Amino acid sequence: MSRVGGNPVLVPSGVEIRIEGRVLHVKGTKGGLSREIDPNIKVEKKDLSGSTHIVVSRPTDQKHHKALHGLYRSLIHGMVVGVSEGYVRELEVVGVGYKASVQKNILELHLGYSHPIYFVMPEEVKVSAETPKGRGGNNNPRIKLESIDKELVGKVAAKLRSLRKVEPYKGKGIRYLNEQVRRKAGKTAKK
């Protein structure tokens, strides 16, 4: 039995689940998501101990079926959490003169290149950019991404990070908020 796939997914109150053929629809207070399920994987809605759960099962113990079993259970859990609570990714832009601003659904980034970068956000992702004000503290611009789709918000965050990867000497670049960066020792002058 798969350790992940064997766990039933608890459906909180306010979340509606519909299974139509091979498509699973999840609707909650923040929105709705749907995903097509592999024909080999069986998804059922059951009442266990007085609450609604989604149970995922596989036909055989083949390696391929085991992998899909755990994968679909995790994807369904992500959908349920997304429509009820949502997902947030916060990024920090570190570097002298680096800036981030938002107009409508377009993120404008100044990352030390000769030109600004304009990143058009998908409709499902809400973006905001702010620069905290304060003395002696961390005044690096911050980008906040919010969505109900965990996979999509992760892809957008990864794409933004790839625009200016964090370099190991000064730590400049785009990184997750409070991410620890492995720093290399700089060159020192001999005395």
C-alpha atoms as a PDB file:
ATOM      1  CA  MET A   1       0.000   0.000   0.000  1.00  0.00           C
ATOM      2  CA  SER A   2       1.272   3.451  -0.883  1.00  0.00           C
ATOM      3  CA  ARG A   3       2.002   5.558   2.188  1.00  0.00           C
ATOM      4  CA  VAL A   4       0.735   8.739   0.556  1.00  0.00           C
ATOM      5  CA  GLY A   5      -1.965   7.254  -1.677  1.00  0.00           C
ATOM      6  CA  GLY A   6      -3.514   5.220   1.130  1.00  0.00           C
ATOM      7  CA  ASN A   7      -4.431   8.304   3.175  1.00  0.00           C
ATOM      8  CA  PRO A   8      -7.961   9.567   2.467  1.00  0.00           C
ATOM      9  CA  VAL A   9      -8.330  13.287   1.663  1.00  0.00           C
ATOM     10  CA  LEU A  10     -10.591  15.113   4.127  1.00  0.00           C
ATOM     11  CA  VAL A  11     -13.093  17.409   2.411  1.00  0.00           C
ATOM     12  CA  PRO A  12     -13.765  20.460   4.632  1.00  0.00           C
ATOM     13  CA  SER A  13     -17.212  22.010   4.895  1.00  0.00           C
ATOM     14  CA  GLY A  14     -17.938  24.457   2.090  1.00  0.00           C
ATOM     15  CA  VAL A  15     -16.073  22.381  -0.516  1.00  0.00           C
ATOM     16  CA  GLU A  16     -18.119  20.584  -3.165  1.00  0.00           C
ATOM     17  CA  ILE A  17     -16.755  17.501  -4.980  1.00  0.00           C
ATOM     18  CA  ARG A  18     -18.142  16.177  -8.277  1.00  0.00           C
ATOM     19  CA  ILE A  19     -16.813  13.180 -10.208  1.00  0.00           C
ATOM     20  CA  GLU A  20     -18.002  13.097 -13.832  1.00  0.00           C
ATOM     21  CA  GLY A  21     -16.477  10.158 -15.673  1.00  0.00           C
ATOM     22  CA  ARG A  22     -12.697  10.658 -15.543  1.00  0.00           C
ATOM     23  CA  VAL A  23     -12.867  14.344 -14.490  1.00  0.00           C
ATOM     24  CA  LEU A  24     -12.817  15.498 -10.865  1.00  0.00           C
ATOM     25  CA  HIS A  25     -14.339  18.918 -10.106  1.00  0.00           C
ATOM     26  CA  VAL A  26     -13.600  20.678  -6.808  1.00  0.00           C
ATOM     27  CA  LYS A  27     -15.420  23.899  -5.910  1.00  0.00           C
ATOM     28  CA  GLY A  28     -14.929  25.996  -2.786  1.00  0.00           C
ATOM     29  CA  THR A  29     -15.146  29.520  -1.398  1.00  0.00           C
ATOM     30  CA  LYS A  30     -12.095  30.759  -3.359  1.00  0.00           C
ATOM     31  CA  GLY A  31     -13.035  29.224  -6.719  1.00  0.00           C
ATOM     32  CA  GLY A  32     -13.106  25.955  -8.605  1.00  0.00           C
ATOM     33  CA  LEU A  33     -10.591  23.542 -10.134  1.00  0.00           C
ATOM     34  CA  SER A  34     -10.905  20.424 -12.264  1.00  0.00           C
ATOM     35  CA  ARG A  35      -8.475  17.693 -13.269  1.00  0.00           C
ATOM     36  CA  GLU A  36      -8.663  14.648 -15.498  1.00  0.00           C
ATOM     37  CA  ILE A  37      -7.843  11.414 -13.680  1.00  0.00           C
ATOM     38  CA  ASP A  38      -5.870   8.550 -15.255  1.00  0.00           C
ATOM     39  CA  PRO A  39      -8.158   5.636 -16.284  1.00  0.00           C
ATOM     40  CA  ASN A  40      -6.170   3.201 -14.100  1.00  0.00           C
ATOM     41  CA  ILE A  41      -6.782   5.167 -10.889  1.00  0.00           C
ATOM     42  CA  LYS A  42     -10.124   4.940  -9.087  1.00  0.00           C
ATOM     43  CA  VAL A  43     -11.402   7.998  -7.169  1.00  0.00           C
ATOM     44  CA  GLU A  44     -14.395   7.677  -4.841  1.00  0.00           C
ATOM     45  CA  LYS A  45     -16.237   9.999  -2.484  1.00  0.00           C
ATOM     46  CA  LYS A  46     -16.985   8.259   0.849  1.00  0.00           C
ATOM     47  CA  ASP A  47     -18.374   9.173   4.250  1.00  0.00           C
ATOM     48  CA  LEU A  48     -15.862   8.028   6.867  1.00  0.00           C
ATOM     49  CA  SER A  49     -16.429   8.732  10.574  1.00  0.00           C
ATOM     50  CA  GLY A  50     -19.122  11.343   9.929  1.00  0.00           C
ATOM     51  CA  SER A  51     -17.199  13.468   7.414  1.00  0.00           C
ATOM     52  CA  THR A  52     -16.687  13.344   3.661  1.00  0.00           C
ATOM     53  CA  HIS A  53     -13.401  11.959   2.339  1.00  0.00           C
ATOM     54  CA  ILE A  54     -11.958  11.243  -1.082  1.00  0.00           C
ATOM     55  CA  VAL A  55     -10.382   7.801  -1.385  1.00  0.00           C
ATOM     56  CA  VAL A  56      -7.900   7.014  -4.173  1.00  0.00           C
ATOM     57  CA  SER A  57      -7.164   3.386  -5.116  1.00  0.00           C
ATOM     58  CA  ARG A  58      -5.116   1.533  -7.745  1.00  0.00           C
ATOM     59  CA  PRO A  59      -5.816  -1.727  -9.600  1.00  0.00           C
ATOM     60  CA  THR A  60      -2.455  -3.504  -9.106  1.00  0.00           C
ATOM     61  CA  ASP A  61       0.862  -3.182  -7.286  1.00  0.00           C
ATOM     62  CA  GLN A  62       2.834  -2.420 -10.440  1.00  0.00           C
ATOM     63  CA  LYS A  63       5.432   0.307 -10.071  1.00  0.00           C
ATOM     64  CA  HIS A  64       3.576   2.582 -12.514  1.00  0.00           C
ATOM     65  CA  HIS A  65       0.274   2.224 -10.644  1.00  0.00           C
ATOM     66  CA  LYS A  66       1.971   2.863  -7.286  1.00  0.00           C
ATOM     67  CA  ALA A  67       3.485   6.086  -8.616  1.00  0.00           C
ATOM     68  CA  LEU A  68       0.155   7.315 -10.009  1.00  0.00           C
ATOM     69  CA  HIS A  69      -1.634   6.366  -6.778  1.00  0.00           C
ATOM     70  CA  GLY A  70       0.443   8.709  -4.620  1.00  0.00           C
ATOM     71  CA  LEU A  71       0.587  11.399  -7.313  1.00  0.00           C
ATOM     72  CA  TYR A  72      -3.186  11.708  -7.740  1.00  0.00           C
ATOM     73  CA  ARG A  73      -3.807  11.661  -4.008  1.00  0.00           C
ATOM     74  CA  SER A  74      -1.362  14.594  -3.608  1.00  0.00           C
ATOM     75  CA  LEU A  75      -2.867  16.482  -6.551  1.00  0.00           C
ATOM     76  CA  ILE A  76      -6.395  16.073  -5.179  1.00  0.00           C
ATOM     77  CA  HIS A  77      -5.287  17.193  -1.715  1.00  0.00           C
ATOM     78  CA  GLY A  78      -3.675  20.271  -3.298  1.00  0.00           C
ATOM     79  CA  MET A  79      -6.918  21.073  -5.122  1.00  0.00           C
ATOM     80  CA  VAL A  80      -9.007  20.779  -1.936  1.00  0.00           C
ATOM     81  CA  VAL A  81      -6.639  23.000   0.067  1.00  0.00           C
ATOM     82  CA  GLY A  82      -6.412  25.492  -2.816  1.00  0.00           C
ATOM     83  CA  VAL A  83     -10.154  26.087  -3.196  1.00  0.00           C
ATOM     84  CA  SER A  84     -10.652  26.389   0.579  1.00  0.00           C
ATOM     85  CA  GLU A  85      -7.512  28.275   1.735  1.00  0.00           C
ATOM     86  CA  GLY A  86      -5.456  29.195  -1.351  1.00  0.00           C
ATOM     87  CA  TYR A  87      -1.682  29.286  -1.811  1.00  0.00           C
ATOM     88  CA  VAL A  88       0.758  32.163  -1.334  1.00  0.00           C
ATOM     89  CA  ARG A  89       4.389  32.429  -2.477  1.00  0.00           C
ATOM     90  CA  GLU A  90       6.463  35.411  -1.380  1.00  0.00           C
ATOM     91  CA  LEU A  91       9.629  36.373  -3.226  1.00  0.00           C
ATOM     92  CA  GLU A  92      12.306  38.896  -2.320  1.00  0.00           C
ATOM     93  CA  VAL A  93      14.308  40.894  -4.878  1.00  0.00           C
ATOM     94  CA  VAL A  94      17.825  41.426  -3.470  1.00  0.00           C
ATOM     95  CA  GLY A  95      20.265  43.831  -5.125  1.00  0.00           C
ATOM     96  CA  VAL A  96      21.195  47.494  -5.297  1.00  0.00           C
ATOM     97  CA  GLY A  97      18.792  49.290  -7.646  1.00  0.00           C
ATOM     98  CA  TYR A  98      16.584  46.227  -8.143  1.00  0.00           C
ATOM     99  CA  LYS A  99      12.890  47.184  -8.280  1.00  0.00           C
ATOM    100  CA  ALA A 100       9.510  45.521  -8.708  1.00  0.00           C
ATOM    101  CA  SER A 101       6.158  47.155  -9.493  1.00  0.00           C
ATOM    102  CA  VAL A 102       2.742  46.010 -10.723  1.00  0.00           C
ATOM    103  CA  GLN A 103       0.383  47.642 -13.234  1.00  0.00           C
ATOM    104  CA  LYS A 104      -2.854  45.722 -13.827  1.00  0.00           C
ATOM    105  CA  ASN A 105      -1.665  42.146 -14.377  1.00  0.00           C
ATOM    106  CA  ILE A 106       1.880  42.966 -15.509  1.00  0.00           C
ATOM    107  CA  LEU A 107       4.885  42.755 -13.192  1.00  0.00           C
ATOM    108  CA  GLU A 108       7.696  45.183 -14.094  1.00  0.00           C
ATOM    109  CA  LEU A 109      11.150  44.173 -12.857  1.00  0.00           C
ATOM    110  CA  HIS A 110      14.412  46.115 -12.901  1.00  0.00           C
ATOM    111  CA  LEU A 111      17.108  43.516 -12.229  1.00  0.00           C
ATOM    112  CA  GLY A 112      20.341  45.186 -13.277  1.00  0.00           C
ATOM    113  CA  TYR A 113      19.947  44.437 -16.975  1.00  0.00           C
ATOM    114  CA  SER A 114      20.026  47.190 -19.621  1.00  0.00           C
ATOM    115  CA  HIS A 115      16.229  47.035 -19.921  1.00  0.00           C
ATOM    116  CA  PRO A 116      13.250  46.366 -17.632  1.00  0.00           C
ATOM    117  CA  ILE A 117      11.519  42.982 -17.757  1.00  0.00           C
ATOM    118  CA  TYR A 118       7.723  42.895 -18.161  1.00  0.00           C
ATOM    119  CA  PHE A 119       6.170  39.646 -16.922  1.00  0.00           C
ATOM    120  CA  VAL A 120       2.496  39.064 -17.812  1.00  0.00           C
ATOM    121  CA  MET A 121       0.798  37.060 -15.066  1.00  0.00           C
ATOM    122  CA  PRO A 122      -1.750  34.323 -15.775  1.00  0.00           C
ATOM    123  CA  GLU A 123      -5.338  35.329 -14.959  1.00  0.00           C
ATOM    124  CA  GLU A 124      -5.521  32.841 -12.073  1.00  0.00           C
ATOM    125  CA  VAL A 125      -2.574  34.403 -10.201  1.00  0.00           C
ATOM    126  CA  LYS A 126      -2.928  37.635  -8.213  1.00  0.00           C
ATOM    127  CA  VAL A 127       0.327  39.559  -7.849  1.00  0.00           C
ATOM    128  CA  SER A 128       1.355  42.452  -5.627  1.00  0.00           C
ATOM    129  CA  ALA A 129       4.714  44.160  -5.165  1.00  0.00           C
ATOM    130  CA  GLU A 130       5.785  46.342  -2.262  1.00  0.00           C
ATOM    131  CA  THR A 131       8.959  47.796  -0.826  1.00  0.00           C
ATOM    132  CA  PRO A 132       8.955  47.843   2.983  1.00  0.00           C
ATOM    133  CA  LYS A 133       9.962  51.197   4.415  1.00  0.00           C
ATOM    134  CA  GLY A 134      12.143  51.381   7.479  1.00  0.00           C
ATOM    135  CA  ARG A 135      15.486  52.427   8.836  1.00  0.00           C
ATOM    136  CA  GLY A 136      18.404  50.052   8.940  1.00  0.00           C
ATOM    137  CA  GLY A 137      16.223  47.099   8.083  1.00  0.00           C
ATOM    138  CA  ASN A 138      15.616  45.020   5.030  1.00  0.00           C
ATOM    139  CA  ASN A 139      14.258  47.335   2.308  1.00  0.00           C
ATOM    140  CA  ASN A 140      14.309  44.798  -0.523  1.00  0.00           C
ATOM    141  CA  PRO A 141      11.232  44.748  -2.799  1.00  0.00           C
ATOM    142  CA  ARG A 142       8.843  41.855  -2.165  1.00  0.00           C
ATOM    143  CA  ILE A 143       6.579  40.094  -4.628  1.00  0.00           C
ATOM    144  CA  LYS A 144       3.500  38.245  -3.365  1.00  0.00           C
ATOM    145  CA  LEU A 145       1.812  35.638  -5.569  1.00  0.00           C
ATOM    146  CA  GLU A 146      -1.632  34.254  -4.640  1.00  0.00           C
ATOM    147  CA  SER A 147      -3.672  31.556  -6.379  1.00  0.00           C
ATOM    148  CA  ILE A 148      -5.893  28.549  -5.759  1.00  0.00           C
ATOM    149  CA  ASP A 149      -3.762  26.409  -8.098  1.00  0.00           C
ATOM    150  CA  LYS A 150      -0.644  25.176  -6.271  1.00  0.00           C
ATOM    151  CA  GLU A 151       1.023  23.944  -9.445  1.00  0.00           C
ATOM    152  CA  LEU A 152       0.516  27.232 -11.309  1.00  0.00           C
ATOM    153  CA  VAL A 153       1.716  29.503  -8.494  1.00  0.00           C
ATOM    154  CA  GLY A 154       4.816  27.321  -8.115  1.00  0.00           C
ATOM    155  CA  LYS A 155       5.565  27.512 -11.848  1.00  0.00           C
ATOM    156  CA  VAL A 156       5.213  31.315 -11.876  1.00  0.00           C
ATOM    157  CA  ALA A 157       7.483  31.648  -8.811  1.00  0.00           C
ATOM    158  CA  ALA A 158      10.093  29.379 -10.436  1.00  0.00           C
ATOM    159  CA  LYS A 159       9.966  31.381 -13.678  1.00  0.00           C
ATOM    160  CA  LEU A 160      10.431  34.664 -11.786  1.00  0.00           C
ATOM    161  CA  ARG A 161      13.387  33.213  -9.866  1.00  0.00           C
ATOM    162  CA  SER A 162      14.991  32.127 -13.145  1.00  0.00           C
ATOM    163  CA  LEU A 163      15.008  35.730 -14.430  1.00  0.00           C
ATOM    164  CA  ARG A 164      17.839  36.584 -11.992  1.00  0.00           C
ATOM    165  CA  LYS A 165      19.231  33.560 -10.162  1.00  0.00           C
ATOM    166  CA  VAL A 166      20.770  34.164  -6.743  1.00  0.00           C
ATOM    167  CA  GLU A 167      24.537  34.446  -7.065  1.00  0.00           C
ATOM    168  CA  PRO A 168      26.665  32.884  -4.315  1.00  0.00           C
ATOM    169  CA  TYR A 169      29.015  35.796  -3.494  1.00  0.00           C
ATOM    170  CA  LYS A 170      26.731  38.684  -2.548  1.00  0.00           C
ATOM    171  CA  GLY A 171      23.381  36.871  -2.584  1.00  0.00           C
ATOM    172  CA  LYS A 172      21.863  39.147  -5.260  1.00  0.00           C
ATOM    173  CA  GLY A 173      18.877  37.905  -7.243  1.00  0.00           C
ATOM    174  CA  ILE A 174      15.271  36.791  -6.757  1.00  0.00           C
ATOM    175  CA  ARG A 175      14.688  34.319  -3.944  1.00  0.00           C
ATOM    176  CA  TYR A 176      11.934  33.096  -1.646  1.00  0.00           C
ATOM    177  CA  LEU A 177      11.337  35.275   1.392  1.00  0.00           C
ATOM    178  CA  ASN A 178      13.595  34.163   4.295  1.00  0.00           C
ATOM    179  CA  GLU A 179      15.389  31.615   2.081  1.00  0.00           C
ATOM    180  CA  GLN A 180      18.885  30.740   3.272  1.00  0.00           C
ATOM    181  CA  VAL A 181      21.459  31.212   0.522  1.00  0.00           C
ATOM    182  CA  ARG A 182      24.712  29.244   0.571  1.00  0.00           C
ATOM    183  CA  ARG A 183      27.402  31.878   0.335  1.00  0.00           C
ATOM    184  CA  LYS A 184      30.930  31.370  -0.927  1.00  0.00           C
ATOM    185  CA  ALA A 185      33.890  33.018   0.727  1.00  0.00           C
ATOM    186  CA  GLY A 186      35.189  36.024  -1.180  1.00  0.00           C
ATOM    187  CA  LYS A 187      38.764  36.667  -2.134  1.00  0.00           C
ATOM    188  CA  THR A 188      40.890  38.208   0.590  1.00  0.00           C
ATOM    189  CA  ALA A 189      44.062  40.273   0.266  1.00  0.00           C
ATOM    190  CA  LYS A 190      47.289  38.781   1.613  1.00  0.00           C
ATOM    191  CA  LYS A 191      49.081  40.823   4.280  1.00  0.00           C
END
